[in-house]
Amino acid sequence: MRSGLIVGLVIVVAIIIGCISTFNSITSAKIEVDTQYGQIENQIQRRADLIPNLVSTVKGYMQYEEKVLTEVIAARAQIAGAKTPEEMADADNALTGALGHLFAVAENYPALKADGHFTELMREISGSENRIAVARKDYNEAIKKYNVTVSTFPGVLFAGMMGYGPMAPFAAEESAHNVPKVAF
């Protein structure tokens, strides 16, 4: 009788320890996802903070390119208003496209390309692009670990009770899947 009670207590304690361990694993994975997303936001904000300097440098040279500058400024504002990872991804894609357009138009202004401040800003923005790519990769790795934790046993048993479910990774926009057309 007494040994049966001890075995029962051992089983109950093991189950409680397993539940606590699973809870901690899920919570840790979620915190890592949030931390990595914060790094994406940090790097995107770093790049966005360079935009006013870039716009003011370019403005003097590109007197007739107001549309391009407006597009860059609007895309930067979209980043500031992003509330979810999906909105941030859309805003980041818009800013990347606007900057690409700006840099393409800048090719028509040799004096601008020779400006040291513009060149340094281009380097800074290029460095930010690389940092954003690394932050996205780290975020997607954290999402993968989190999704494995909440989708496999025993996490799958507790994730739903805790209000956690699988999360989507930071993905490229749909146009990235199209093969670019090159015409000579």
Protein backbone atom coordinates (compact mmCIF):
# COMPACT_ATOMS: atom_id res chain seq x y z
CA MET A 1 0.00 0.00 0.00
CA ARG A 2 2.73 2.38 1.00
CA SER A 3 4.89 1.58 -2.05
CA GLY A 4 1.88 2.20 -4.31
CA LEU A 5 1.46 5.66 -2.77
CA ILE A 6 5.14 6.45 -3.29
CA VAL A 7 4.99 5.30 -6.92
CA GLY A 8 1.88 7.45 -7.45
CA LEU A 9 3.57 10.49 -5.92
CA VAL A 10 6.66 9.95 -8.07
CA ILE A 11 4.47 9.80 -11.19
CA VAL A 12 2.56 12.96 -10.19
CA VAL A 13 5.83 14.81 -9.46
CA ALA A 14 7.28 13.65 -12.81
CA ILE A 15 4.19 14.89 -14.64
CA ILE A 16 4.35 18.25 -12.85
CA ILE A 17 8.05 18.61 -13.65
CA GLY A 18 7.34 17.69 -17.28
CA CYS A 19 4.56 20.29 -17.47
CA ILE A 20 6.78 22.97 -15.98
CA SER A 21 9.62 22.07 -18.34
CA THR A 22 7.31 22.17 -21.36
CA PHE A 23 5.82 25.49 -20.27
CA ASN A 24 9.33 26.93 -19.84
CA SER A 25 10.42 25.61 -23.25
CA ILE A 26 7.46 27.18 -25.02
CA THR A 27 7.83 30.46 -23.14
CA SER A 28 11.58 30.58 -23.84
CA ALA A 29 11.03 29.93 -27.53
CA LYS A 30 8.40 32.71 -27.70
CA ILE A 31 10.71 35.15 -25.93
CA GLU A 32 13.48 34.30 -28.42
CA VAL A 33 11.09 34.96 -31.33
CA ASP A 34 10.14 38.32 -29.83
CA THR A 35 13.80 39.19 -29.25
CA GLN A 36 14.77 38.33 -32.81
CA TYR A 37 11.83 40.31 -34.19
CA GLY A 38 13.05 43.23 -32.11
CA GLN A 39 16.38 42.96 -33.91
CA ILE A 40 14.62 43.18 -37.27
CA GLU A 41 12.77 46.27 -36.07
CA ASN A 42 16.02 47.72 -34.75
CA GLN A 43 17.85 47.27 -38.04
CA ILE A 44 14.93 48.51 -40.14
CA GLN A 45 14.67 51.56 -37.87
CA ARG A 46 18.42 52.15 -38.24
CA ARG A 47 18.01 52.25 -41.98
CA ALA A 48 14.90 54.43 -41.71
CA ASP A 49 16.81 56.88 -39.53
CA LEU A 50 19.29 57.39 -42.36
CA ILE A 51 16.51 58.37 -44.80
CA PRO A 52 16.09 62.05 -43.74
CA ASN A 53 19.84 62.63 -44.24
CA LEU A 54 19.71 60.87 -47.57
CA VAL A 55 16.68 62.87 -48.72
CA SER A 56 18.23 66.20 -47.70
CA THR A 57 21.49 65.32 -49.46
CA VAL A 58 19.72 64.23 -52.62
CA LYS A 59 17.19 67.07 -52.70
CA GLY A 60 19.69 69.65 -53.89
CA TYR A 61 20.75 67.52 -56.81
CA MET A 62 17.46 65.98 -57.85
CA GLN A 63 15.33 69.06 -58.31
CA TYR A 64 13.02 67.38 -60.80
CA GLU A 65 12.63 64.04 -59.03
CA GLU A 66 10.13 65.03 -56.33
CA LYS A 67 8.05 61.88 -56.96
CA VAL A 68 10.99 59.63 -56.11
CA LEU A 69 11.74 61.51 -52.89
CA THR A 70 8.07 61.48 -51.90
CA GLU A 71 7.97 57.71 -52.45
CA VAL A 72 10.98 57.22 -50.14
CA ILE A 73 9.50 59.48 -47.44
CA ALA A 74 6.11 57.71 -47.63
CA ALA A 75 7.77 54.29 -47.36
CA ARG A 76 9.71 55.44 -44.30
CA ALA A 77 6.46 56.64 -42.70
CA GLN A 78 4.90 53.23 -43.41
CA ILE A 79 7.65 51.59 -41.32
CA ALA A 80 6.87 53.86 -38.39
CA GLY A 81 3.21 52.80 -38.55
CA ALA A 82 3.83 49.04 -38.79
CA LYS A 83 2.32 47.14 -35.85
CA THR A 84 2.69 43.48 -36.84
CA PRO A 85 5.46 41.41 -38.44
CA GLU A 86 3.38 41.25 -41.63
CA GLU A 87 2.95 45.04 -41.73
CA MET A 88 6.67 45.47 -41.00
CA ALA A 89 7.55 43.11 -43.86
CA ASP A 90 5.29 45.05 -46.25
CA ALA A 91 6.73 48.38 -45.08
CA ASP A 92 10.28 47.07 -45.39
CA ASN A 93 9.59 45.84 -48.92
CA ALA A 94 8.11 49.24 -49.83
CA LEU A 95 11.16 51.08 -48.45
CA THR A 96 13.57 48.71 -50.18
CA GLY A 97 11.76 49.31 -53.49
CA ALA A 98 11.67 53.07 -52.98
CA LEU A 99 15.38 53.17 -52.15
CA GLY A 100 16.15 51.03 -55.20
CA HIS A 101 14.22 53.49 -57.34
CA LEU A 102 16.04 56.43 -55.73
CA PHE A 103 19.44 54.84 -56.31
CA ALA A 104 18.54 54.07 -59.93
CA VAL A 105 17.52 57.69 -60.53
CA ALA A 106 20.68 58.88 -58.74
CA GLU A 107 22.70 57.22 -61.49
CA ASN A 108 21.58 60.11 -63.74
CA TYR A 109 23.29 62.65 -61.47
CA PRO A 110 27.10 62.32 -61.65
CA ALA A 111 27.64 65.21 -59.22
CA LEU A 112 25.43 63.45 -56.66
CA LYS A 113 27.30 60.16 -57.06
CA ALA A 114 30.54 62.07 -56.44
CA ASP A 115 29.21 63.71 -53.25
CA GLY A 116 31.04 62.22 -50.23
CA HIS A 117 28.04 62.51 -47.92
CA PHE A 118 25.80 60.71 -50.42
CA THR A 119 28.42 57.99 -50.91
CA GLU A 120 28.72 57.47 -47.14
CA LEU A 121 24.94 57.31 -46.75
CA MET A 122 24.79 54.73 -49.55
CA ARG A 123 27.38 52.65 -47.68
CA GLU A 124 25.44 52.96 -44.43
CA ILE A 125 22.18 51.94 -46.09
CA SER A 126 23.89 49.02 -47.81
CA GLY A 127 25.29 47.92 -44.45
CA SER A 128 21.80 48.21 -42.97
CA GLU A 129 20.43 45.98 -45.73
CA ASN A 130 22.97 43.33 -44.78
CA ARG A 131 22.11 43.65 -41.08
CA ILE A 132 18.40 43.35 -41.89
CA ALA A 133 19.07 40.16 -43.88
CA VAL A 134 20.95 38.65 -40.93
CA ALA A 135 18.22 39.71 -38.48
CA ARG A 136 15.56 38.12 -40.72
CA LYS A 137 17.55 34.89 -40.85
CA ASP A 138 17.93 34.83 -37.06
CA TYR A 139 14.22 35.60 -36.64
CA ASN A 140 13.24 32.79 -38.99
CA GLU A 141 15.52 30.39 -37.07
CA ALA A 142 13.80 31.42 -33.82
CA ILE A 143 10.38 30.93 -35.49
CA LYS A 144 11.45 27.46 -36.63
CA LYS A 145 12.54 26.48 -33.10
CA TYR A 146 9.34 27.91 -31.62
CA ASN A 147 7.14 26.13 -34.20
CA VAL A 148 8.91 22.82 -33.51
CA THR A 149 8.39 23.35 -29.76
CA VAL A 150 4.65 24.05 -30.05
CA SER A 151 4.03 21.42 -32.74
CA THR A 152 5.74 18.39 -31.22
CA PHE A 153 4.97 16.31 -28.17
CA PRO A 154 4.63 17.34 -25.35
CA GLY A 155 4.52 21.02 -26.40
CA VAL A 156 1.54 20.45 -28.65
CA LEU A 157 -0.48 19.43 -25.58
CA PHE A 158 0.20 22.67 -23.74
CA ALA A 159 0.64 25.27 -26.49
CA GLY A 160 -3.08 25.53 -27.22
CA MET A 161 -3.92 25.86 -23.53
CA MET A 162 -1.35 28.63 -23.25
CA GLY A 163 -2.74 30.43 -26.31
CA TYR A 164 0.32 29.72 -28.46
CA GLY A 165 0.22 28.41 -32.00
CA PRO A 166 2.57 28.18 -34.96
CA MET A 167 3.93 31.48 -36.31
CA ALA A 168 4.78 32.50 -39.86
CA PRO A 169 8.38 33.31 -40.74
CA PHE A 170 9.48 36.62 -42.23
CA ALA A 171 8.96 35.88 -45.92
CA ALA A 172 9.96 37.53 -49.17
CA GLU A 173 7.29 39.35 -51.09
CA GLU A 174 5.52 37.44 -53.87
CA SER A 175 7.34 39.32 -56.66
CA ALA A 176 10.64 37.83 -55.43
CA HIS A 177 9.49 34.46 -56.81
CA ASN A 178 9.25 35.81 -60.37
CA VAL A 179 12.22 35.51 -62.68
CA PRO A 180 13.41 39.00 -63.59
CA LYS A 181 13.20 39.95 -67.25
CA VAL A 182 16.38 41.31 -68.73
CA ALA A 183 16.27 43.16 -72.04
CA PHE A 184 19.31 44.43 -73.97
